[in-house]
Amino acid sequence: MKQLVMMLVIGLVAAGAAYAAQGQDTVSGYLIDLRCAAQHAGEADFAATHNKECLLMDKCVKSGYGVLTTDNKLVKFDNQGNREALKLIKATDKDKDWKVTVTGKVTGEQIAVTSIALQQ
């Protein structure tokens, strides 16, 4: 009986994990604030050299954040993503080369962020 219950619990956990993973997208690129993205995204190497000081400037924080992909597509974060990005920026002493992988649901040009991770 215990084995049957355990198998049912494991099955339910696996099904729940599979369900949660459905509808999730992954976007990789450079973390950038929307203010600088609008002004500089087309400049060669701008995203790679964009620094922490700029990412934390009041105007840049207020503009929100997003990911600039390698094909120069900007995917904007939702409010939760903006909060997560700000926490990530403040939590590290990294200065430049803010390559990230973002997971969430992409709708149009925006992602409802569930996680942001620095790439190594």
Protein backbone atom coordinates (compact mmCIF):
# COMPACT_ATOMS: atom_id res chain seq x y z
CA MET A 1 0.00 0.00 0.00
CA LYS A 2 2.81 2.40 0.91
CA GLN A 3 4.49 1.72 -2.42
CA LEU A 4 1.29 2.45 -4.30
CA VAL A 5 0.82 5.74 -2.44
CA MET A 6 4.46 6.68 -3.07
CA MET A 7 4.12 5.90 -6.78
CA LEU A 8 0.99 8.06 -6.98
CA VAL A 9 2.74 10.95 -5.22
CA ILE A 10 5.77 10.70 -7.52
CA GLY A 11 3.47 10.60 -10.55
CA LEU A 12 1.58 13.68 -9.38
CA VAL A 13 4.81 15.59 -8.75
CA ALA A 14 6.13 14.68 -12.20
CA ALA A 15 2.85 15.67 -13.84
CA GLY A 16 2.85 18.98 -11.98
CA ALA A 17 6.42 19.73 -13.07
CA ALA A 18 5.58 18.92 -16.68
CA TYR A 19 2.49 21.13 -16.51
CA ALA A 20 4.47 24.03 -15.02
CA ALA A 21 7.10 23.77 -17.76
CA GLN A 22 4.47 24.04 -20.51
CA GLY A 23 4.16 27.50 -21.97
CA GLN A 24 7.58 28.58 -20.70
CA ASP A 25 9.95 30.27 -23.11
CA THR A 26 13.67 30.90 -22.71
CA VAL A 27 15.31 34.08 -24.01
CA SER A 28 19.06 34.71 -23.90
CA GLY A 29 21.04 37.84 -24.53
CA TYR A 30 22.21 40.95 -22.73
CA LEU A 31 20.35 42.49 -19.80
CA ILE A 32 19.75 46.13 -20.69
CA ASP A 33 17.58 48.97 -19.46
CA LEU A 34 14.94 50.17 -21.91
CA ARG A 35 16.21 53.75 -21.89
CA CYS A 36 19.65 52.76 -23.14
CA ALA A 37 18.20 50.14 -25.48
CA ALA A 38 16.21 52.87 -27.23
CA GLN A 39 19.26 55.11 -27.54
CA HIS A 40 22.15 52.72 -28.15
CA ALA A 41 21.03 49.17 -28.98
CA GLY A 42 22.16 49.40 -32.61
CA GLU A 43 25.70 50.44 -31.69
CA ALA A 44 28.34 47.74 -32.07
CA ASP A 45 29.31 46.14 -28.73
CA PHE A 46 27.12 48.52 -26.70
CA ALA A 47 25.23 45.74 -24.92
CA ALA A 48 28.45 43.93 -23.97
CA THR A 49 30.00 47.08 -22.51
CA HIS A 50 26.85 48.44 -20.85
CA ASN A 51 27.81 48.74 -17.19
CA LYS A 52 26.28 48.31 -13.76
CA GLU A 53 26.48 52.02 -12.94
CA CYS A 54 24.23 52.81 -15.88
CA LEU A 55 21.86 49.93 -15.14
CA LEU A 56 21.33 51.43 -11.66
CA MET A 57 20.83 55.09 -12.71
CA ASP A 58 17.39 56.36 -11.64
CA LYS A 59 16.20 57.07 -15.19
CA CYS A 60 17.38 53.67 -16.36
CA VAL A 61 15.76 51.80 -13.46
CA LYS A 62 12.48 53.66 -14.03
CA SER A 63 12.50 52.77 -17.74
CA GLY A 64 12.48 49.05 -16.93
CA TYR A 65 14.64 46.22 -18.24
CA GLY A 66 14.73 43.67 -20.99
CA VAL A 67 16.93 41.30 -22.95
CA LEU A 68 18.67 42.33 -26.15
CA THR A 69 19.11 39.13 -28.15
CA THR A 70 21.99 38.36 -30.52
CA ASP A 71 19.73 39.21 -33.46
CA ASN A 72 19.06 42.67 -31.93
CA LYS A 73 15.52 41.86 -30.80
CA LEU A 74 14.48 43.55 -27.56
CA VAL A 75 12.24 41.52 -25.25
CA LYS A 76 10.88 43.71 -22.44
CA PHE A 77 10.29 42.46 -18.92
CA ASP A 78 7.00 42.63 -17.07
CA ASN A 79 6.90 44.33 -13.63
CA GLN A 80 8.00 41.16 -11.85
CA GLY A 81 10.90 40.82 -14.27
CA ASN A 82 11.96 44.41 -13.62
CA ARG A 83 12.06 43.71 -9.88
CA GLU A 84 14.01 40.48 -10.41
CA ALA A 85 16.49 42.21 -12.74
CA LEU A 86 17.12 44.99 -10.23
CA LYS A 87 17.71 42.44 -7.44
CA LEU A 88 20.15 40.54 -9.68
CA ILE A 89 22.07 43.70 -10.61
CA LYS A 90 22.38 44.79 -6.98
CA ALA A 91 23.34 41.30 -5.76
CA THR A 92 26.51 40.97 -7.82
CA ASP A 93 29.70 42.95 -8.26
CA LYS A 94 29.70 42.25 -12.00
CA ASP A 95 30.29 45.43 -14.00
CA LYS A 96 29.86 44.56 -17.70
CA ASP A 97 28.90 41.73 -20.03
CA TRP A 98 25.46 41.13 -18.48
CA LYS A 99 24.61 37.97 -20.44
CA VAL A 100 21.46 36.41 -19.04
CA THR A 101 19.03 33.61 -19.63
CA VAL A 102 15.44 34.53 -18.87
CA THR A 103 12.56 32.09 -18.50
CA GLY A 104 8.91 33.02 -18.70
CA LYS A 105 5.99 33.39 -21.06
CA VAL A 106 6.68 35.56 -24.11
CA THR A 107 3.71 37.46 -25.48
CA GLY A 108 4.51 39.81 -28.33
CA GLU A 109 7.55 41.86 -27.30
CA GLN A 110 7.24 41.19 -23.55
CA ILE A 111 8.14 38.32 -21.25
CA ALA A 112 6.33 37.51 -18.01
CA VAL A 113 9.52 36.59 -16.13
CA THR A 114 9.72 33.57 -13.86
CA SER A 115 13.53 33.51 -13.59
CA ILE A 116 16.65 35.43 -14.61
CA ALA A 117 20.11 33.87 -14.42
CA LEU A 118 23.54 35.23 -15.31
CA GLN A 119 25.33 33.19 -17.96
CA GLN A 120 28.82 32.06 -17.08
